[in-house]
Every structure is written in structure tokens, then in C-alpha cells.
């Protein structure tokens, strides 16, 4: 599976989840990807979000990762 496709899967899983997902949980769902690689991809995703001016980021919270709105847009 291509790296960009894996990032899209991570993004989709985080988007639909109502709770933080751990790197291990994401690794279990996406076969063949190590949890360290999941973390690296999330960092890459956040860099991409920042460079394109997105209103959200993936944050590590409560033992997992969750998509959160940037504070400036929370209201």
C-alpha cells in the first residue's frame, strides 16, 4: 500500500472516531504498518495541514490521536 493511501486511511479513521485512537490501534487496523511509522505519518500529515492552512490538526491526547480544531477556530 502506498504511503499517501495509508495517510488517507489514518485520516479517515481519526475523522470518524469519537475518541482518540492509539498508534497501536491504527497499526492493528492498517496491516503491515508499524506504530512508529503511524506516528511519523501523523507528523507528516500535520506538516501538510499546516502548510495548506487547515483549521485542524491531529493531536496526541488521552493516550491516542484525535483530530481537533485549531483553537483560533473553536468558536
PDB file of N, CA and C in Angstrom:
ATOM      1  N   UNK A   1       0.847  -1.169   0.000  1.00  0.00           N
ATOM      2  CA  UNK A   1       0.000   0.000   0.000  1.00  0.00           C
ATOM      3  C   UNK A   1       0.903   1.246   0.000  1.00  0.00           C
ATOM      4  N   UNK A   2       0.516   2.237  -0.774  1.00  0.00           N
ATOM      5  CA  UNK A   2       1.306   3.470  -0.868  1.00  0.00           C
ATOM      6  C   UNK A   2       1.180   4.314   0.393  1.00  0.00           C
ATOM      7  N   UNK A   3       2.233   5.067   0.677  1.00  0.00           N
ATOM      8  CA  UNK A   3       2.298   5.918   1.865  1.00  0.00           C
ATOM      9  C   UNK A   3       1.135   6.919   1.917  1.00  0.00           C
ATOM     10  N   UNK A   4       0.832   7.570   0.801  1.00  0.00           N
ATOM     11  CA  UNK A   4      -0.260   8.557   0.772  1.00  0.00           C
ATOM     12  C   UNK A   4      -1.607   7.896   1.037  1.00  0.00           C
ATOM     13  N   UNK A   5      -1.785   6.681   0.571  1.00  0.00           N
ATOM     14  CA  UNK A   5      -3.029   5.944   0.828  1.00  0.00           C
ATOM     15  C   UNK A   5      -3.145   5.617   2.314  1.00  0.00           C
ATOM     16  N   UNK A   6      -2.042   5.236   2.936  1.00  0.00           N
ATOM     17  CA  UNK A   6      -2.050   4.946   4.371  1.00  0.00           C
ATOM     18  C   UNK A   6      -2.417   6.207   5.154  1.00  0.00           C
ATOM     19  N   UNK A   7      -1.870   7.340   4.763  1.00  0.00           N
ATOM     20  CA  UNK A   7      -2.216   8.597   5.437  1.00  0.00           C
ATOM     21  C   UNK A   7      -3.706   8.902   5.298  1.00  0.00           C
ATOM     22  N   UNK A   8      -4.262   8.644   4.122  1.00  0.00           N
ATOM     23  CA  UNK A   8      -5.701   8.885   3.934  1.00  0.00           C
ATOM     24  C   UNK A   8      -6.533   7.965   4.829  1.00  0.00           C
ATOM     25  N   UNK A   9      -6.084   6.731   4.995  1.00  0.00           N
ATOM     26  CA  UNK A   9      -6.797   5.792   5.871  1.00  0.00           C
ATOM     27  C   UNK A   9      -6.722   6.266   7.320  1.00  0.00           C
ATOM     28  N   UNK A  10      -5.536   6.670   7.766  1.00  0.00           N
ATOM     29  CA  UNK A  10      -5.382   7.200   9.124  1.00  0.00           C
ATOM     30  C   UNK A  10      -6.306   8.395   9.311  1.00  0.00           C
ATOM     31  N   UNK A  11      -6.299   9.299   8.351  1.00  0.00           N
ATOM     32  CA  UNK A  11      -7.135  10.495   8.414  1.00  0.00           C
ATOM     33  C   UNK A  11      -8.611  10.119   8.531  1.00  0.00           C
ATOM     34  N   UNK A  12      -9.056   9.184   7.723  1.00  0.00           N
ATOM     35  CA  UNK A  12     -10.459   8.767   7.747  1.00  0.00           C
ATOM     36  C   UNK A  12     -10.826   8.131   9.081  1.00  0.00           C
ATOM     37  N   UNK A  13      -9.952   7.279   9.606  1.00  0.00           N
ATOM     38  CA  UNK A  13     -10.221   6.638  10.891  1.00  0.00           C
ATOM     39  C   UNK A  13     -10.314   7.667  12.018  1.00  0.00           C
ATOM     40  N   UNK A  14      -9.401   8.619  12.027  1.00  0.00           N
ATOM     41  CA  UNK A  14      -9.427   9.655  13.057  1.00  0.00           C
ATOM     42  C   UNK A  14     -10.655  10.549  12.909  1.00  0.00           C
ATOM     43  N   UNK A  15     -11.048  10.808  11.676  1.00  0.00           N
ATOM     44  CA  UNK A  15     -12.202  11.671  11.411  1.00  0.00           C
ATOM     45  C   UNK A  15     -13.500  11.064  11.941  1.00  0.00           C
ATOM     46  N   UNK A  16     -13.679   9.777  11.775  1.00  0.00           N
ATOM     47  CA  UNK A  16     -14.940   9.148  12.166  1.00  0.00           C
ATOM     48  C   UNK A  16     -14.973   8.694  13.620  1.00  0.00           C
ATOM     49  N   UNK A  17     -13.815   8.642  14.262  1.00  0.00           N
ATOM     50  CA  UNK A  17     -13.773   8.166  15.638  1.00  0.00           C
ATOM     51  C   UNK A  17     -14.218   9.249  16.615  1.00  0.00           C
ATOM     52  N   UNK A  18     -15.013   8.854  17.608  1.00  0.00           N
ATOM     53  CA  UNK A  18     -15.451   9.810  18.623  1.00  0.00           C
ATOM     54  C   UNK A  18     -14.519   9.820  19.839  1.00  0.00           C
ATOM     55  N   UNK A  19     -13.437   9.040  19.767  1.00  0.00           N
ATOM     56  CA  UNK A  19     -12.455   9.010  20.844  1.00  0.00           C
ATOM     57  C   UNK A  19     -11.059   8.908  20.238  1.00  0.00           C
ATOM     58  N   UNK A  20     -10.031   9.263  20.999  1.00  0.00           N
ATOM     59  CA  UNK A  20      -8.668   9.154  20.485  1.00  0.00           C
ATOM     60  C   UNK A  20      -8.315   7.700  20.143  1.00  0.00           C
ATOM     61  N   UNK A  21      -7.562   7.532  19.069  1.00  0.00           N
ATOM     62  CA  UNK A  21      -7.100   6.208  18.646  1.00  0.00           C
ATOM     63  C   UNK A  21      -5.593   6.127  18.854  1.00  0.00           C
ATOM     64  N   UNK A  22      -5.139   5.077  19.502  1.00  0.00           N
ATOM     65  CA  UNK A  22      -3.710   4.913  19.744  1.00  0.00           C
ATOM     66  C   UNK A  22      -2.996   4.485  18.463  1.00  0.00           C
ATOM     67  N   UNK A  23      -1.690   4.702  18.443  1.00  0.00           N
ATOM     68  CA  UNK A  23      -0.881   4.269  17.305  1.00  0.00           C
ATOM     69  C   UNK A  23      -0.986   2.754  17.144  1.00  0.00           C
ATOM     70  N   UNK A  24      -1.063   2.024  18.258  1.00  0.00           N
ATOM     71  CA  UNK A  24      -1.198   0.567  18.194  1.00  0.00           C
ATOM     72  C   UNK A  24      -2.530   0.158  17.572  1.00  0.00           C
ATOM     73  N   UNK A  25      -3.603   0.869  17.908  1.00  0.00           N
ATOM     74  CA  UNK A  25      -4.915   0.578  17.323  1.00  0.00           C
ATOM     75  C   UNK A  25      -4.881   0.834  15.818  1.00  0.00           C
ATOM     76  N   UNK A  26      -4.299   1.959  15.424  1.00  0.00           N
ATOM     77  CA  UNK A  26      -4.193   2.264  13.996  1.00  0.00           C
ATOM     78  C   UNK A  26      -3.348   1.217  13.289  1.00  0.00           C
ATOM     79  N   UNK A  27      -2.270   0.768  13.928  1.00  0.00           N
ATOM     80  CA  UNK A  27      -1.417  -0.271  13.358  1.00  0.00           C
ATOM     81  C   UNK A  27      -2.194  -1.570  13.174  1.00  0.00           C
ATOM     82  N   UNK A  28      -3.048  -1.913  14.144  1.00  0.00           N
ATOM     83  CA  UNK A  28      -3.847  -3.131  14.051  1.00  0.00           C
ATOM     84  C   UNK A  28      -4.814  -3.092  12.873  1.00  0.00           C
ATOM     85  N   UNK A  29      -5.358  -1.914  12.599  1.00  0.00           N
ATOM     86  CA  UNK A  29      -6.326  -1.774  11.501  1.00  0.00           C
ATOM     87  C   UNK A  29      -5.623  -1.760  10.153  1.00  0.00           C
ATOM     88  N   UNK A  30      -4.480  -1.079  10.098  1.00  0.00           N
ATOM     89  CA  UNK A  30      -3.734  -0.962   8.842  1.00  0.00           C
ATOM     90  C   UNK A  30      -2.608  -1.978   8.871  1.00  0.00           C
ATOM     91  N   UNK A  31      -2.844  -3.113   8.329  1.00  0.00           N
ATOM     92  CA  UNK A  31      -1.874  -4.210   8.370  1.00  0.00           C
ATOM     93  C   UNK A  31      -0.586  -3.841   7.637  1.00  0.00           C
ATOM     94  N   UNK A  32       0.541  -4.248   8.220  1.00  0.00           N
ATOM     95  CA  UNK A  32       1.833  -4.033   7.587  1.00  0.00           C
ATOM     96  C   UNK A  32       2.469  -2.690   7.893  1.00  0.00           C
ATOM     97  N   UNK A  33       1.892  -1.930   8.820  1.00  0.00           N
ATOM     98  CA  UNK A  33       2.429  -0.626   9.187  1.00  0.00           C
ATOM     99  C   UNK A  33       2.749  -0.663  10.681  1.00  0.00           C
ATOM    100  N   UNK A  34       3.970  -0.315  11.040  1.00  0.00           N
ATOM    101  CA  UNK A  34       4.387  -0.285  12.434  1.00  0.00           C
ATOM    102  C   UNK A  34       3.853   0.969  13.128  1.00  0.00           C
ATOM    103  N   UNK A  35       3.695   0.897  14.450  1.00  0.00           N
ATOM    104  CA  UNK A  35       3.164   2.044  15.189  1.00  0.00           C
ATOM    105  C   UNK A  35       4.102   3.251  15.100  1.00  0.00           C
ATOM    106  N   UNK A  36       5.411   3.015  15.008  1.00  0.00           N
ATOM    107  CA  UNK A  36       6.343   4.141  14.849  1.00  0.00           C
ATOM    108  C   UNK A  36       6.134   4.824  13.506  1.00  0.00           C
ATOM    109  N   UNK A  37       5.817   4.044  12.499  1.00  0.00           N
ATOM    110  CA  UNK A  37       5.542   4.607  11.174  1.00  0.00           C
ATOM    111  C   UNK A  37       4.227   5.394  11.184  1.00  0.00           C
ATOM    112  N   UNK A  38       3.243   4.910  11.940  1.00  0.00           N
ATOM    113  CA  UNK A  38       1.983   5.635  12.083  1.00  0.00           C
ATOM    114  C   UNK A  38       2.257   7.013  12.667  1.00  0.00           C
ATOM    115  N   UNK A  39       3.078   7.076  13.705  1.00  0.00           N
ATOM    116  CA  UNK A  39       3.424   8.352  14.332  1.00  0.00           C
ATOM    117  C   UNK A  39       4.119   9.284  13.335  1.00  0.00           C
ATOM    118  N   UNK A  40       5.042   8.747  12.559  1.00  0.00           N
ATOM    119  CA  UNK A  40       5.753   9.542  11.554  1.00  0.00           C
ATOM    120  C   UNK A  40       4.777  10.090  10.519  1.00  0.00           C
ATOM    121  N   UNK A  41       3.846   9.263  10.085  1.00  0.00           N
ATOM    122  CA  UNK A  41       2.865   9.710   9.094  1.00  0.00           C
ATOM    123  C   UNK A  41       1.958  10.792   9.659  1.00  0.00           C
ATOM    124  N   UNK A  42       1.589  10.676  10.923  1.00  0.00           N
ATOM    125  CA  UNK A  42       0.762  11.708  11.551  1.00  0.00           C
ATOM    126  C   UNK A  42       1.529  13.024  11.604  1.00  0.00           C
ATOM    127  N   UNK A  43       2.817  12.963  11.906  1.00  0.00           N
ATOM    128  CA  UNK A  43       3.636  14.177  11.884  1.00  0.00           C
ATOM    129  C   UNK A  43       3.648  14.792  10.488  1.00  0.00           C
ATOM    130  N   UNK A  44       3.791  13.952   9.467  1.00  0.00           N
ATOM    131  CA  UNK A  44       3.767  14.431   8.076  1.00  0.00           C
ATOM    132  C   UNK A  44       2.416  15.056   7.743  1.00  0.00           C
ATOM    133  N   UNK A  45       1.341  14.422   8.194  1.00  0.00           N
ATOM    134  CA  UNK A  45       0.002  14.952   7.941  1.00  0.00           C
ATOM    135  C   UNK A  45      -0.144  16.330   8.564  1.00  0.00           C
ATOM    136  N   UNK A  46       0.319  16.492   9.802  1.00  0.00           N
ATOM    137  CA  UNK A  46       0.226  17.787  10.469  1.00  0.00           C
ATOM    138  C   UNK A  46       1.049  18.850   9.745  1.00  0.00           C
ATOM    139  N   UNK A  47       2.198  18.464   9.219  1.00  0.00           N
ATOM    140  CA  UNK A  47       3.006  19.404   8.431  1.00  0.00           C
ATOM    141  C   UNK A  47       2.233  19.840   7.188  1.00  0.00           C
ATOM    142  N   UNK A  48       1.603  18.879   6.526  1.00  0.00           N
ATOM    143  CA  UNK A  48       0.795  19.187   5.340  1.00  0.00           C
ATOM    144  C   UNK A  48      -0.384  20.084   5.705  1.00  0.00           C
ATOM    145  N   UNK A  49      -1.054  19.781   6.812  1.00  0.00           N
ATOM    146  CA  UNK A  49      -2.188  20.607   7.245  1.00  0.00           C
ATOM    147  C   UNK A  49      -1.737  22.034   7.516  1.00  0.00           C
ATOM    148  N   UNK A  50      -0.597  22.167   8.180  1.00  0.00           N
ATOM    149  CA  UNK A  50      -0.077  23.497   8.496  1.00  0.00           C
ATOM    150  C   UNK A  50       0.305  24.282   7.259  1.00  0.00           C
ATOM    151  N   UNK A  51       0.929  23.612   6.299  1.00  0.00           N
ATOM    152  CA  UNK A  51       1.389  24.311   5.095  1.00  0.00           C
ATOM    153  C   UNK A  51       0.240  24.691   4.166  1.00  0.00           C
ATOM    154  N   UNK A  52      -0.909  24.052   4.339  1.00  0.00           N
ATOM    155  CA  UNK A  52      -2.062  24.384   3.497  1.00  0.00           C
ATOM    156  C   UNK A  52      -3.119  25.184   4.256  1.00  0.00           C
ATOM    157  N   UNK A  53      -2.800  25.574   5.495  1.00  0.00           N
ATOM    158  CA  UNK A  53      -3.692  26.441   6.261  1.00  0.00           C
ATOM    159  C   UNK A  53      -4.967  25.786   6.755  1.00  0.00           C
ATOM    160  N   UNK A  54      -4.918  24.490   7.042  1.00  0.00           N
ATOM    161  CA  UNK A  54      -6.117  23.796   7.535  1.00  0.00           C
ATOM    162  C   UNK A  54      -6.497  24.286   8.921  1.00  0.00           C
ATOM    163  N   UNK A  55      -7.755  24.157   9.268  1.00  0.00           N
ATOM    164  CA  UNK A  55      -8.280  24.621  10.548  1.00  0.00           C
ATOM    165  C   UNK A  55      -8.204  23.538  11.626  1.00  0.00           C
ATOM    166  N   UNK A  56      -7.536  22.451  11.342  1.00  0.00           N
ATOM    167  CA  UNK A  56      -7.455  21.344  12.293  1.00  0.00           C
ATOM    168  C   UNK A  56      -6.058  20.731  12.264  1.00  0.00           C
ATOM    169  N   UNK A  57      -5.779  19.951  13.285  1.00  0.00           N
ATOM    170  CA  UNK A  57      -4.538  19.193  13.401  1.00  0.00           C
ATOM    171  C   UNK A  57      -4.869  17.872  14.066  1.00  0.00           C
ATOM    172  N   UNK A  58      -3.956  16.935  13.975  1.00  0.00           N
ATOM    173  CA  UNK A  58      -4.054  15.701  14.728  1.00  0.00           C
ATOM    174  C   UNK A  58      -3.207  15.900  15.975  1.00  0.00           C
ATOM    175  N   UNK A  59      -3.833  15.755  17.126  1.00  0.00           N
ATOM    176  CA  UNK A  59      -3.154  15.958  18.409  1.00  0.00           C
ATOM    177  C   UNK A  59      -3.121  14.644  19.176  1.00  0.00           C
ATOM    178  N   UNK A  60      -2.038  14.464  19.934  1.00  0.00           N
ATOM    179  CA  UNK A  60      -1.959  13.310  20.821  1.00  0.00           C
ATOM    180  C   UNK A  60      -2.607  13.699  22.142  1.00  0.00           C
ATOM    181  N   UNK A  61      -3.614  12.939  22.506  1.00  0.00           N
ATOM    182  CA  UNK A  61      -4.401  13.254  23.693  1.00  0.00           C
ATOM    183  C   UNK A  61      -4.965  11.953  24.267  1.00  0.00           C
ATOM    184  N   UNK A  62      -4.951  11.843  25.573  1.00  0.00           N
ATOM    185  CA  UNK A  62      -5.555  10.694  26.271  1.00  0.00           C
ATOM    186  C   UNK A  62      -5.051   9.348  25.745  1.00  0.00           C
ATOM    187  N   UNK A  63      -3.757   9.265  25.474  1.00  0.00           N
ATOM    188  CA  UNK A  63      -3.172   8.002  25.034  1.00  0.00           C
ATOM    189  C   UNK A  63      -3.408   7.650  23.586  1.00  0.00           C
ATOM    190  N   UNK A  64      -3.911   8.599  22.814  1.00  0.00           N
ATOM    191  CA  UNK A  64      -4.157   8.322  21.399  1.00  0.00           C
ATOM    192  C   UNK A  64      -4.121   9.599  20.595  1.00  0.00           C
ATOM    193  N   UNK A  65      -4.570   9.505  19.366  1.00  0.00           N
ATOM    194  CA  UNK A  65      -4.579  10.642  18.451  1.00  0.00           C
ATOM    195  C   UNK A  65      -6.013  10.985  18.091  1.00  0.00           C
ATOM    196  N   UNK A  66      -6.256  12.288  17.952  1.00  0.00           N
ATOM    197  CA  UNK A  66      -7.598  12.746  17.603  1.00  0.00           C
ATOM    198  C   UNK A  66      -7.477  14.008  16.756  1.00  0.00           C
ATOM    199  N   UNK A  67      -8.392  14.162  15.818  1.00  0.00           N
ATOM    200  CA  UNK A  67      -8.449  15.386  15.019  1.00  0.00           C
ATOM    201  C   UNK A  67      -9.146  16.446  15.846  1.00  0.00           C
ATOM    202  N   UNK A  68      -8.483  17.601  15.983  1.00  0.00           N
ATOM    203  CA  UNK A  68      -9.035  18.699  16.771  1.00  0.00           C
ATOM    204  C   UNK A  68      -8.944  19.997  15.989  1.00  0.00           C
ATOM    205  N   UNK A  69      -9.934  20.839  16.193  1.00  0.00           N
ATOM    206  CA  UNK A  69      -9.943  22.159  15.574  1.00  0.00           C
ATOM    207  C   UNK A  69      -8.885  23.028  16.225  1.00  0.00           C
ATOM    208  N   UNK A  70      -8.203  23.821  15.430  1.00  0.00           N
ATOM    209  CA  UNK A  70      -7.241  24.772  15.979  1.00  0.00           C
ATOM    210  C   UNK A  70      -7.999  25.739  16.885  1.00  0.00           C
ATOM    211  N   UNK A  71      -7.397  26.120  18.025  1.00  0.00           N
ATOM    212  CA  UNK A  71      -8.102  26.986  18.990  1.00  0.00           C
ATOM    213  C   UNK A  71      -8.663  28.271  18.385  1.00  0.00           C
ATOM    214  N   UNK A  72      -7.992  28.836  17.431  1.00  0.00           N
ATOM    215  CA  UNK A  72      -8.463  30.094  16.829  1.00  0.00           C
ATOM    216  C   UNK A  72      -9.827  29.919  16.143  1.00  0.00           C
ATOM    217  N   UNK A  73     -10.154  28.683  15.730  1.00  0.00           N
ATOM    218  CA  UNK A  73     -11.427  28.410  15.030  1.00  0.00           C
ATOM    219  C   UNK A  73     -12.450  27.691  15.908  1.00  0.00           C
ATOM    220  N   UNK A  74     -12.154  27.537  17.169  1.00  0.00           N
ATOM    221  CA  UNK A  74     -13.038  26.726  18.033  1.00  0.00           C
ATOM    222  C   UNK A  74     -14.398  27.366  18.282  1.00  0.00           C
ATOM    223  N   UNK A  75     -14.481  28.672  18.187  1.00  0.00           N
ATOM    224  CA  UNK A  75     -15.779  29.298  18.439  1.00  0.00           C
ATOM    225  C   UNK A  75     -16.648  29.207  17.208  1.00  0.00           C
TER     226      UNK A  75
END
